[in-house]
Amino acid sequence: MWKNILDYPFKSGGAPFDVSGANNHGIPTAISFGFDGVAPGSGFFHFNGSESRVHVPYNGTWNDLIGVRVEAMVRVDELGRIRRSTSHSPALSPQQRDC
């Protein structure tokens, strides 16, 4: 069963404000916001490629997860260098692996 624990609609003046109800609001670092989205008032985060990030502080909604699915729309302006994207998830306990 999927559980939505993070949803940024890219509105609210560019703040990473979670509308999922789980209060997983992000803390932006070195990002800018552009109002150029499909829906009125929507837009995008612009990451500078080296120091930009959105940090989501840990809270209890992450406790019972055994997997994570991420959906993102990404526009790449320059392909001059290869970038690696990694995600981390906690290791499964032996009980979780046997499910």
C-alpha atoms as a PDB file:
ATOM      1  CA  MET A   1       0.000   0.000   0.000  1.00  0.00           C
ATOM      2  CA  TRP A   2       1.312   3.438  -0.925  1.00  0.00           C
ATOM      3  CA  LYS A   3       1.201   6.304   1.541  1.00  0.00           C
ATOM      4  CA  ASN A   4       1.766   9.887   0.402  1.00  0.00           C
ATOM      5  CA  ILE A   5       4.156  11.499   2.897  1.00  0.00           C
ATOM      6  CA  LEU A   6       5.500  14.380   0.817  1.00  0.00           C
ATOM      7  CA  ASP A   7       3.880  16.536  -1.862  1.00  0.00           C
ATOM      8  CA  TYR A   8       5.253  19.873  -3.035  1.00  0.00           C
ATOM      9  CA  PRO A   9       2.873  21.590  -5.496  1.00  0.00           C
ATOM     10  CA  PHE A  10       5.481  24.311  -6.226  1.00  0.00           C
ATOM     11  CA  LYS A  11       3.212  27.161  -5.250  1.00  0.00           C
ATOM     12  CA  SER A  12       3.092  29.292  -2.089  1.00  0.00           C
ATOM     13  CA  GLY A  13       5.686  31.740  -3.386  1.00  0.00           C
ATOM     14  CA  GLY A  14       8.275  29.083  -3.985  1.00  0.00           C
ATOM     15  CA  ALA A  15       8.512  27.569  -0.512  1.00  0.00           C
ATOM     16  CA  PRO A  16       8.871  23.751  -0.326  1.00  0.00           C
ATOM     17  CA  PHE A  17       5.550  23.461   1.540  1.00  0.00           C
ATOM     18  CA  ASP A  18       4.228  19.911   1.986  1.00  0.00           C
ATOM     19  CA  VAL A  19       0.495  19.557   1.243  1.00  0.00           C
ATOM     20  CA  SER A  20       0.339  15.807   1.978  1.00  0.00           C
ATOM     21  CA  GLY A  21      -0.729  16.422   5.576  1.00  0.00           C
ATOM     22  CA  ALA A  22       2.467  14.866   6.973  1.00  0.00           C
ATOM     23  CA  ASN A  23       4.178  18.219   7.692  1.00  0.00           C
ATOM     24  CA  ASN A  24       7.337  17.335   5.756  1.00  0.00           C
ATOM     25  CA  HIS A  25       8.096  20.928   4.828  1.00  0.00           C
ATOM     26  CA  GLY A  26      11.496  21.447   3.246  1.00  0.00           C
ATOM     27  CA  ILE A  27      14.296  23.815   4.172  1.00  0.00           C
ATOM     28  CA  PRO A  28      15.713  25.302   0.933  1.00  0.00           C
ATOM     29  CA  THR A  29      19.381  26.144   0.432  1.00  0.00           C
ATOM     30  CA  ALA A  30      20.631  28.102  -2.594  1.00  0.00           C
ATOM     31  CA  ILE A  31      17.529  27.604  -4.748  1.00  0.00           C
ATOM     32  CA  SER A  32      15.444  30.103  -6.644  1.00  0.00           C
ATOM     33  CA  PHE A  33      11.822  29.871  -7.719  1.00  0.00           C
ATOM     34  CA  GLY A  34      10.456  30.525 -11.187  1.00  0.00           C
ATOM     35  CA  PHE A  35       6.769  31.163 -11.882  1.00  0.00           C
ATOM     36  CA  ASP A  36       6.507  29.251 -15.139  1.00  0.00           C
ATOM     37  CA  GLY A  37       4.332  26.272 -14.300  1.00  0.00           C
ATOM     38  CA  VAL A  38       1.357  24.738 -16.068  1.00  0.00           C
ATOM     39  CA  ALA A  39      -1.229  25.780 -13.465  1.00  0.00           C
ATOM     40  CA  PRO A  40      -1.781  29.451 -12.592  1.00  0.00           C
ATOM     41  CA  GLY A  41       0.584  30.483  -9.778  1.00  0.00           C
ATOM     42  CA  SER A  42       2.701  27.345 -10.070  1.00  0.00           C
ATOM     43  CA  GLY A  43       6.355  27.122 -10.956  1.00  0.00           C
ATOM     44  CA  PHE A  44       9.632  25.334 -10.377  1.00  0.00           C
ATOM     45  CA  PHE A  45      12.732  25.223  -8.198  1.00  0.00           C
ATOM     46  CA  HIS A  46      15.994  26.115  -9.904  1.00  0.00           C
ATOM     47  CA  PHE A  47      19.035  24.292  -8.488  1.00  0.00           C
ATOM     48  CA  ASN A  48      22.493  25.698  -9.232  1.00  0.00           C
ATOM     49  CA  GLY A  49      24.039  22.250  -9.600  1.00  0.00           C
ATOM     50  CA  SER A  50      26.553  22.400  -6.777  1.00  0.00           C
ATOM     51  CA  GLU A  51      25.155  23.782  -3.526  1.00  0.00           C
ATOM     52  CA  SER A  52      21.378  23.734  -3.982  1.00  0.00           C
ATOM     53  CA  ARG A  53      19.215  21.384  -1.973  1.00  0.00           C
ATOM     54  CA  VAL A  54      15.929  21.009  -0.123  1.00  0.00           C
ATOM     55  CA  HIS A  55      16.426  19.351   3.262  1.00  0.00           C
ATOM     56  CA  VAL A  56      13.405  17.548   4.725  1.00  0.00           C
ATOM     57  CA  PRO A  57      13.840  17.118   8.487  1.00  0.00           C
ATOM     58  CA  TYR A  58      13.113  13.647   9.836  1.00  0.00           C
ATOM     59  CA  ASN A  59       9.787  13.088  11.560  1.00  0.00           C
ATOM     60  CA  GLY A  60       7.687  10.070  12.524  1.00  0.00           C
ATOM     61  CA  THR A  61       6.033   9.662   9.109  1.00  0.00           C
ATOM     62  CA  TRP A  62       9.222   7.977   7.869  1.00  0.00           C
ATOM     63  CA  ASN A  63       9.275   5.300  10.616  1.00  0.00           C
ATOM     64  CA  ASP A  64       7.194   2.496   9.084  1.00  0.00           C
ATOM     65  CA  LEU A  65       8.452   2.741   5.496  1.00  0.00           C
ATOM     66  CA  ILE A  66      10.114  -0.224   3.828  1.00  0.00           C
ATOM     67  CA  GLY A  67      10.410   1.455   0.451  1.00  0.00           C
ATOM     68  CA  VAL A  68      10.214   4.870  -1.180  1.00  0.00           C
ATOM     69  CA  ARG A  69       8.887   5.906  -4.582  1.00  0.00           C
ATOM     70  CA  VAL A  70       9.846   9.312  -5.943  1.00  0.00           C
ATOM     71  CA  GLU A  71       8.216  11.133  -8.824  1.00  0.00           C
ATOM     72  CA  ALA A  72       9.881  14.239 -10.237  1.00  0.00           C
ATOM     73  CA  MET A  73       9.755  16.291 -13.389  1.00  0.00           C
ATOM     74  CA  VAL A  74      13.253  17.482 -14.260  1.00  0.00           C
ATOM     75  CA  ARG A  75      14.459  19.851 -16.950  1.00  0.00           C
ATOM     76  CA  VAL A  76      18.173  19.763 -17.700  1.00  0.00           C
ATOM     77  CA  ASP A  77      19.554  22.973 -19.192  1.00  0.00           C
ATOM     78  CA  GLU A  78      23.136  21.826 -19.657  1.00  0.00           C
ATOM     79  CA  LEU A  79      24.586  18.401 -20.212  1.00  0.00           C
ATOM     80  CA  GLY A  80      28.231  19.420 -20.013  1.00  0.00           C
ATOM     81  CA  ARG A  81      28.979  17.290 -16.957  1.00  0.00           C
ATOM     82  CA  ILE A  82      27.602  14.013 -15.680  1.00  0.00           C
ATOM     83  CA  ARG A  83      25.680  14.308 -12.431  1.00  0.00           C
ATOM     84  CA  ARG A  84      24.893  11.405 -10.180  1.00  0.00           C
ATOM     85  CA  SER A  85      21.739  11.293  -8.166  1.00  0.00           C
ATOM     86  CA  THR A  86      21.566   9.025  -5.171  1.00  0.00           C
ATOM     87  CA  SER A  87      18.903   8.247  -2.650  1.00  0.00           C
ATOM     88  CA  HIS A  88      19.326   6.471   0.617  1.00  0.00           C
ATOM     89  CA  SER A  89      16.927   4.310   2.512  1.00  0.00           C
ATOM     90  CA  PRO A  90      17.469   2.435   5.750  1.00  0.00           C
ATOM     91  CA  ALA A  91      18.435  -1.219   5.557  1.00  0.00           C
ATOM     92  CA  LEU A  92      15.625  -3.678   6.042  1.00  0.00           C
ATOM     93  CA  SER A  93      15.571  -5.731   9.210  1.00  0.00           C
ATOM     94  CA  PRO A  94      15.495  -9.560   8.871  1.00  0.00           C
ATOM     95  CA  GLN A  95      11.791  -9.473   9.806  1.00  0.00           C
ATOM     96  CA  GLN A  96      11.032  -6.996   7.026  1.00  0.00           C
ATOM     97  CA  ARG A  97      12.993  -9.021   4.441  1.00  0.00           C
ATOM     98  CA  ASP A  98      10.915 -12.139   5.216  1.00  0.00           C
ATOM     99  CA  CYS A  99       7.570 -10.438   4.538  1.00  0.00           C
END
